Amino acid sequence: MNARIPSGTRDVLPEERAELRRIEAALLARFIDAGYGEVSTPTVEYQETLQRAGGAATPVSYRVLGQPGEDLALRSDMTVPIARVASSRYRDAKLPLRFCYVAPAYRAVAQHSGQPREFLQAGIELVGAEPVSGAAEALTVLCRALEATGLQNFFVGIGDATLFPALVASCGVNQNDSAGLLRELGNRDFVALDREIAALGLSSEQSELLAQVPRMRGTELLGEPLNEALGQALEPLRTLLNALEPGVATRMIPDLGRSPRMGYYSGLVFEVYDPELGEPIASGGYYGELLGRFGLQTGGVGFAIDLDLLHAALAGEERGETGR
């Protein structure tokens, strides 16, 4: 009888491990060339540290048995541990700070869901960044790093975490009633989103606005806005695209339905997609309040690349090339 491993985990054998090591090396070389220093942190953290990220928005995934009185948990990403490092070890350092990493992270998943509970990430954190200029730097590093691994056909969906909540508030919807809208937007379930909008009893014009905006994508939406409020909300996206060099900007697709997967993002957000996969290879964005929860009053921008998904996308592109 074979010994089992937990659902959502897997063994990585030598051939695949060698391929992943090559990908890691290519990514790290680009990060370091861009001025980012590699950092590592403990796999386990105190639960209270991880919960500073925003409570229910980014819940603790797996609790760990420690010494009596120790409430420990596995980290679910590297942004929160690096926020802790920056605030405790670099409190008086000159900003911005640039960190990079390759590290495993852990997320709670349903049994037999097919989703990984342990996965390897590579990414950067730019601590002390301005929202737009910081996002422009992070996106440039992200695109150049993915290109260094050999990935060719990817694109980046960019949005703003504050845009849809601001539109909802402008329609007079209170915070409790908006929770369902934001939940379904985060799930990318537009049928359920339409149902939530209909239940609010808004005017036809307001309902149409809230239903239409999350479905808007493409550079043409930055032209003539639906209304003045939306035009003002789009300004950070316009400024960001203008700040990017052409080779990076051509990979950007504005997407007003983009909603952050992690609760601490509070501005520009982005996700990387490749035609070979139906889920994002990487995600990131601006966080304005997270570092302040650790006593460092500044903002930051970061991203994380899922190395297993990147490996799968590279393999898919290679199959496509050899099949032609």
Protein backbone atom coordinates (compact mmCIF):
# COMPACT_ATOMS: atom_id res chain seq x y z
CA MET A 1 0.00 0.00 0.00
CA ASN A 2 1.41 3.40 -1.00
CA ALA A 3 1.75 6.02 1.72
CA ARG A 4 -0.63 8.92 1.09
CA ILE A 5 0.14 12.63 0.92
CA PRO A 6 -2.34 15.36 1.91
CA SER A 7 -4.90 16.50 -0.63
CA GLY A 8 -3.66 19.55 -2.51
CA THR A 9 0.03 18.63 -2.26
CA ARG A 10 2.31 16.76 -4.64
CA ASP A 11 5.77 15.32 -5.08
CA VAL A 12 8.07 17.07 -7.57
CA LEU A 13 10.42 14.64 -9.28
CA PRO A 14 13.95 15.42 -10.54
CA GLU A 15 13.17 16.33 -14.17
CA GLU A 16 10.42 18.78 -13.24
CA ARG A 17 12.43 20.10 -10.30
CA ALA A 18 15.29 20.91 -12.70
CA GLU A 19 12.88 22.81 -14.98
CA LEU A 20 11.45 24.75 -12.04
CA ARG A 21 14.97 25.57 -10.86
CA ARG A 22 15.76 27.05 -14.29
CA ILE A 23 12.60 29.19 -14.12
CA GLU A 24 13.45 30.34 -10.59
CA ALA A 25 16.98 31.30 -11.66
CA ALA A 26 15.71 33.32 -14.64
CA LEU A 27 13.20 35.19 -12.49
CA LEU A 28 15.62 35.91 -9.65
CA ALA A 29 18.29 37.16 -12.07
CA ARG A 30 15.84 39.74 -13.45
CA PHE A 31 14.67 40.76 -9.98
CA ILE A 32 18.24 41.25 -8.76
CA ASP A 33 19.26 43.11 -11.94
CA ALA A 34 16.39 45.52 -11.20
CA GLY A 35 17.82 46.26 -7.75
CA TYR A 36 15.77 43.86 -5.61
CA GLY A 37 17.51 41.97 -2.80
CA GLU A 38 16.48 38.40 -2.06
CA VAL A 39 14.94 37.78 1.35
CA SER A 40 13.55 34.70 3.11
CA THR A 41 11.24 34.54 6.12
CA PRO A 42 9.93 31.74 8.36
CA THR A 43 7.31 29.46 6.86
CA VAL A 44 5.37 29.81 10.11
CA GLU A 45 4.31 33.13 11.62
CA TYR A 46 2.28 34.15 14.63
CA GLN A 47 -1.41 34.20 13.72
CA GLU A 48 -1.74 37.76 14.97
CA THR A 49 0.91 38.83 12.43
CA LEU A 50 -0.91 37.28 9.48
CA GLN A 51 -4.28 38.59 10.66
CA ARG A 52 -3.03 42.17 10.43
CA ALA A 53 -3.44 41.80 6.67
CA GLY A 54 -7.16 42.38 7.00
CA GLY A 55 -8.91 39.72 9.05
CA ALA A 56 -11.64 37.92 7.12
CA ALA A 57 -10.42 39.31 3.78
CA THR A 58 -7.22 37.27 4.02
CA PRO A 59 -7.89 34.52 6.58
CA VAL A 60 -5.25 32.35 8.22
CA SER A 61 -5.08 29.15 6.17
CA TYR A 62 -3.44 26.52 8.36
CA ARG A 63 -2.81 26.70 12.07
CA VAL A 64 0.30 25.00 13.45
CA LEU A 65 0.87 23.32 16.80
CA GLY A 66 3.62 25.19 18.62
CA GLN A 67 4.78 25.57 22.17
CA PRO A 68 2.05 26.18 24.78
CA GLY A 69 0.68 29.67 24.30
CA GLU A 70 2.01 29.99 20.73
CA ASP A 71 -0.66 30.57 18.09
CA LEU A 72 1.19 29.83 14.87
CA ALA A 73 0.09 29.48 11.24
CA LEU A 74 1.56 28.82 7.81
CA ARG A 75 1.96 31.94 5.69
CA SER A 76 -0.50 32.34 2.80
CA ASP A 77 1.76 34.70 0.87
CA MET A 78 5.02 36.64 1.28
CA THR A 79 3.65 40.18 1.27
CA VAL A 80 2.61 40.15 4.93
CA PRO A 81 5.90 38.62 6.22
CA ILE A 82 7.89 41.15 4.20
CA ALA A 83 5.74 43.95 5.63
CA ARG A 84 6.74 42.65 9.07
CA VAL A 85 10.43 42.56 8.06
CA ALA A 86 10.35 46.06 6.59
CA SER A 87 8.67 47.59 9.64
CA SER A 88 10.84 45.81 12.23
CA ARG A 89 14.26 45.66 10.56
CA TYR A 90 14.18 48.68 8.23
CA ARG A 91 12.04 51.17 10.14
CA ASP A 92 14.62 53.97 9.82
CA ALA A 93 15.96 53.01 6.39
CA LYS A 94 15.70 55.28 3.38
CA LEU A 95 12.73 54.43 1.17
CA PRO A 96 11.95 52.82 -1.16
CA LEU A 97 13.04 49.31 -0.17
CA ARG A 98 13.21 46.54 -2.74
CA PHE A 99 12.84 42.87 -1.80
CA CYS A 100 12.46 39.71 -3.89
CA TYR A 101 11.88 36.07 -3.02
CA VAL A 102 11.19 32.51 -4.11
CA ALA A 103 9.24 30.72 -1.38
CA PRO A 104 6.38 28.28 -0.74
CA ALA A 105 3.02 29.53 0.50
CA TYR A 106 -0.13 27.78 1.70
CA ARG A 107 -3.86 28.29 1.20
CA ALA A 108 -6.80 26.40 2.67
CA VAL A 109 -8.78 24.50 0.01
CA ALA A 110 -11.68 22.10 0.03
CA GLN A 111 -10.83 18.40 0.12
CA HIS A 112 -10.51 16.84 -3.38
CA SER A 113 -11.13 20.20 -5.06
CA GLY A 114 -8.10 19.82 -7.29
CA GLN A 115 -6.71 23.11 -5.99
CA PRO A 116 -3.20 23.23 -4.52
CA ARG A 117 -2.83 24.01 -0.84
CA GLU A 118 0.97 24.29 -1.13
CA PHE A 119 2.51 26.25 -3.99
CA LEU A 120 5.76 27.95 -4.90
CA GLN A 121 5.81 31.70 -5.52
CA ALA A 122 8.38 34.15 -6.84
CA GLY A 123 7.86 37.86 -6.56
CA ILE A 124 8.91 41.31 -5.44
CA GLU A 125 7.80 43.91 -2.91
CA LEU A 126 8.52 47.61 -3.49
CA VAL A 127 8.11 49.22 -0.07
CA GLY A 128 7.66 52.98 0.02
CA ALA A 129 6.23 53.21 -3.48
CA GLU A 130 3.91 55.80 -4.93
CA PRO A 131 0.77 54.14 -6.37
CA VAL A 132 1.29 54.81 -10.08
CA SER A 133 5.07 55.03 -10.39
CA GLY A 134 5.45 52.00 -8.12
CA ALA A 135 2.98 49.99 -10.17
CA ALA A 136 4.81 51.02 -13.36
CA GLU A 137 8.11 49.75 -11.95
CA ALA A 138 6.58 46.51 -10.68
CA LEU A 139 4.84 45.81 -14.00
CA THR A 140 8.05 46.44 -15.92
CA VAL A 141 9.99 44.03 -13.68
CA LEU A 142 7.16 41.49 -13.95
CA CYS A 143 7.02 41.54 -17.75
CA ARG A 144 10.78 41.44 -18.18
CA ALA A 145 11.08 38.56 -15.71
CA LEU A 146 8.38 36.49 -17.46
CA GLU A 147 10.01 37.16 -20.82
CA ALA A 148 13.33 35.97 -19.39
CA THR A 149 11.79 32.57 -18.68
CA GLY A 150 10.73 32.27 -22.34
CA LEU A 151 7.04 33.10 -21.90
CA GLN A 152 5.81 34.97 -24.98
CA ASN A 153 2.03 35.21 -25.28
CA PHE A 154 0.99 36.55 -21.89
CA PHE A 155 -1.01 39.69 -21.23
CA VAL A 156 -1.74 41.69 -18.08
CA GLY A 157 -5.24 42.69 -16.98
CA ILE A 158 -5.04 45.94 -15.00
CA GLY A 159 -7.73 47.56 -12.89
CA ASP A 160 -8.28 49.55 -9.73
CA ALA A 161 -9.56 48.04 -6.49
CA THR A 162 -11.19 51.35 -5.52
CA LEU A 163 -13.11 51.94 -8.76
CA PHE A 164 -16.19 49.72 -8.39
CA PRO A 165 -16.68 50.38 -4.64
CA ALA A 166 -16.60 54.12 -5.40
CA LEU A 167 -19.24 53.74 -8.11
CA VAL A 168 -21.41 51.66 -5.77
CA ALA A 169 -21.12 54.34 -3.07
CA SER A 170 -21.97 57.06 -5.61
CA CYS A 171 -25.28 55.23 -6.21
CA GLY A 172 -26.14 55.56 -2.52
CA VAL A 173 -25.59 51.89 -1.65
CA ASN A 174 -24.49 51.42 1.96
CA GLN A 175 -21.55 49.26 3.01
CA ASN A 176 -23.67 46.31 4.16
CA ASP A 177 -25.65 46.15 0.92
CA SER A 178 -22.51 46.50 -1.20
CA ALA A 179 -20.86 43.42 0.36
CA GLY A 180 -22.76 41.02 -1.90
CA LEU A 181 -21.83 43.02 -5.01
CA LEU A 182 -18.15 43.00 -4.14
CA ARG A 183 -18.22 39.30 -3.29
CA GLU A 184 -19.69 38.32 -6.66
CA LEU A 185 -17.34 40.66 -8.50
CA GLY A 186 -14.43 38.99 -6.75
CA ASN A 187 -15.80 35.61 -7.86
CA ARG A 188 -16.14 36.95 -11.44
CA ASP A 189 -19.75 35.71 -11.38
CA PHE A 190 -21.57 38.32 -13.45
CA VAL A 191 -24.91 36.48 -13.36
CA ALA A 192 -24.89 36.61 -9.56
CA LEU A 193 -23.67 40.22 -9.71
CA ASP A 194 -26.67 41.18 -11.86
CA ARG A 195 -28.95 39.47 -9.34
CA GLU A 196 -27.42 41.42 -6.47
CA ILE A 197 -27.79 44.69 -8.38
CA ALA A 198 -31.45 44.00 -9.18
CA ALA A 199 -32.17 43.36 -5.49
CA LEU A 200 -30.99 46.85 -4.52
CA GLY A 201 -33.94 48.63 -6.11
CA LEU A 202 -31.83 51.30 -7.82
CA SER A 203 -32.88 53.42 -10.76
CA SER A 204 -32.50 51.85 -14.20
CA GLU A 205 -29.62 54.21 -14.97
CA GLN A 206 -27.74 53.27 -11.80
CA SER A 207 -28.38 49.56 -12.27
CA GLU A 208 -27.14 49.72 -15.84
CA LEU A 209 -23.99 51.55 -14.75
CA LEU A 210 -23.14 48.97 -12.05
CA ALA A 211 -23.82 46.08 -14.42
CA GLN A 212 -21.95 47.54 -17.38
CA VAL A 213 -18.74 48.87 -15.80
CA PRO A 214 -17.35 45.53 -14.52
CA ARG A 215 -17.73 44.10 -18.04
CA MET A 216 -15.70 46.87 -19.65
CA ARG A 217 -12.20 45.99 -20.85
CA GLY A 218 -9.74 47.13 -23.47
CA THR A 219 -7.85 50.37 -24.08
CA GLU A 220 -10.85 51.94 -25.85
CA LEU A 221 -12.67 52.29 -22.51
CA LEU A 222 -10.14 54.96 -21.50
CA GLY A 223 -11.60 57.25 -24.16
CA GLU A 224 -15.05 58.73 -23.61
CA PRO A 225 -16.31 57.65 -20.13
CA LEU A 226 -19.89 56.74 -19.30
CA ASN A 227 -20.09 59.59 -16.78
CA GLU A 228 -17.91 62.08 -14.92
CA ALA A 229 -17.38 59.87 -11.86
CA LEU A 230 -16.10 57.01 -14.02
CA GLY A 231 -13.87 59.40 -15.96
CA GLN A 232 -12.18 60.52 -12.75
CA ALA A 233 -11.83 56.93 -11.53
CA LEU A 234 -10.06 55.94 -14.75
CA GLU A 235 -7.35 58.59 -14.39
CA PRO A 236 -4.87 56.33 -12.49
CA LEU A 237 -5.10 53.73 -15.28
CA ARG A 238 -4.44 56.36 -17.94
CA THR A 239 -1.47 57.72 -15.99
CA LEU A 240 -0.09 54.21 -15.49
CA LEU A 241 -0.27 53.30 -19.17
CA ASN A 242 1.45 56.56 -20.10
CA ALA A 243 4.24 55.81 -17.60
CA LEU A 244 5.07 52.41 -19.13
CA GLU A 245 7.57 51.89 -21.92
CA PRO A 246 5.91 50.74 -25.17
CA GLY A 247 7.08 47.12 -24.96
CA VAL A 248 5.40 46.75 -21.56
CA ALA A 249 2.35 48.91 -22.28
CA THR A 250 1.35 46.75 -25.26
CA ARG A 251 0.80 43.82 -22.90
CA MET A 252 -1.67 45.78 -20.72
CA ILE A 253 -5.44 45.32 -21.03
CA PRO A 254 -7.52 47.67 -18.84
CA ASP A 255 -10.25 45.62 -17.15
CA LEU A 256 -12.77 47.37 -14.92
CA GLY A 257 -14.01 44.06 -13.54
CA ARG A 258 -10.61 43.34 -12.02
CA SER A 259 -11.06 42.79 -8.29
CA PRO A 260 -8.24 41.96 -5.84
CA ARG A 261 -7.97 38.41 -4.52
CA MET A 262 -6.11 39.57 -1.41
CA GLY A 263 -7.88 41.93 0.94
CA TYR A 264 -5.02 44.37 1.52
CA TYR A 265 -4.89 45.76 -2.04
CA SER A 266 -6.25 49.30 -2.16
CA GLY A 267 -5.41 50.76 -5.56
CA LEU A 268 -4.11 49.58 -8.91
CA VAL A 269 -4.28 45.79 -9.26
CA PHE A 270 -3.21 43.42 -12.02
CA GLU A 271 -3.21 39.76 -13.06
CA VAL A 272 -1.17 37.92 -15.71
CA TYR A 273 -2.86 35.52 -18.11
CA ASP A 274 -1.60 33.28 -20.89
CA PRO A 275 -3.81 31.71 -23.59
CA GLU A 276 -2.59 28.28 -22.48
CA LEU A 277 -4.25 28.57 -19.05
CA GLY A 278 -7.62 29.64 -17.72
CA GLU A 279 -6.35 31.11 -14.45
CA PRO A 280 -3.89 33.87 -13.58
CA ILE A 281 -0.20 33.03 -13.56
CA ALA A 282 0.63 36.05 -11.40
CA SER A 283 -1.16 38.80 -9.52
CA GLY A 284 -0.29 41.91 -7.61
CA GLY A 285 -1.08 45.53 -6.92
CA TYR A 286 -0.77 48.52 -4.63
CA TYR A 287 -1.43 48.36 -0.89
CA GLY A 288 -1.74 51.62 0.97
CA GLU A 289 -2.62 50.53 4.51
CA LEU A 290 -0.92 47.16 5.12
CA LEU A 291 2.48 48.54 6.13
CA GLY A 292 0.80 51.02 8.47
CA ARG A 293 -0.69 48.11 10.40
CA PHE A 294 2.91 47.20 11.27
CA GLY A 295 3.84 50.78 12.17
CA LEU A 296 5.47 51.81 8.87
CA GLN A 297 3.41 54.64 7.42
CA THR A 298 3.94 54.15 3.71
CA GLY A 299 2.50 52.22 0.78
CA GLY A 300 3.86 49.41 -1.32
CA VAL A 301 3.47 47.50 -4.57
CA GLY A 302 4.17 43.84 -5.11
CA PHE A 303 3.37 40.79 -7.16
CA ALA A 304 3.62 37.02 -6.84
CA ILE A 305 4.14 34.54 -9.69
CA ASP A 306 2.83 30.99 -9.27
CA LEU A 307 5.77 28.91 -10.54
CA ASP A 308 3.73 25.76 -11.20
CA LEU A 309 1.27 27.72 -13.36
CA LEU A 310 4.11 29.52 -15.12
CA HIS A 311 5.73 26.14 -15.82
CA ALA A 312 2.45 24.84 -17.25
CA ALA A 313 2.07 27.92 -19.46
CA LEU A 314 5.61 27.57 -20.77
CA ALA A 315 4.98 23.90 -21.56
CA GLY A 316 1.74 24.80 -23.35
CA GLU A 317 3.44 27.47 -25.45
CA GLU A 318 6.22 25.03 -26.32
CA ARG A 319 3.70 22.42 -27.43
CA GLY A 320 1.99 25.05 -29.57
CA GLU A 321 5.28 25.99 -31.21
CA THR A 322 6.28 22.41 -31.94
CA GLY A 323 2.80 21.64 -33.29
CA ARG A 324 3.02 24.30 -35.98
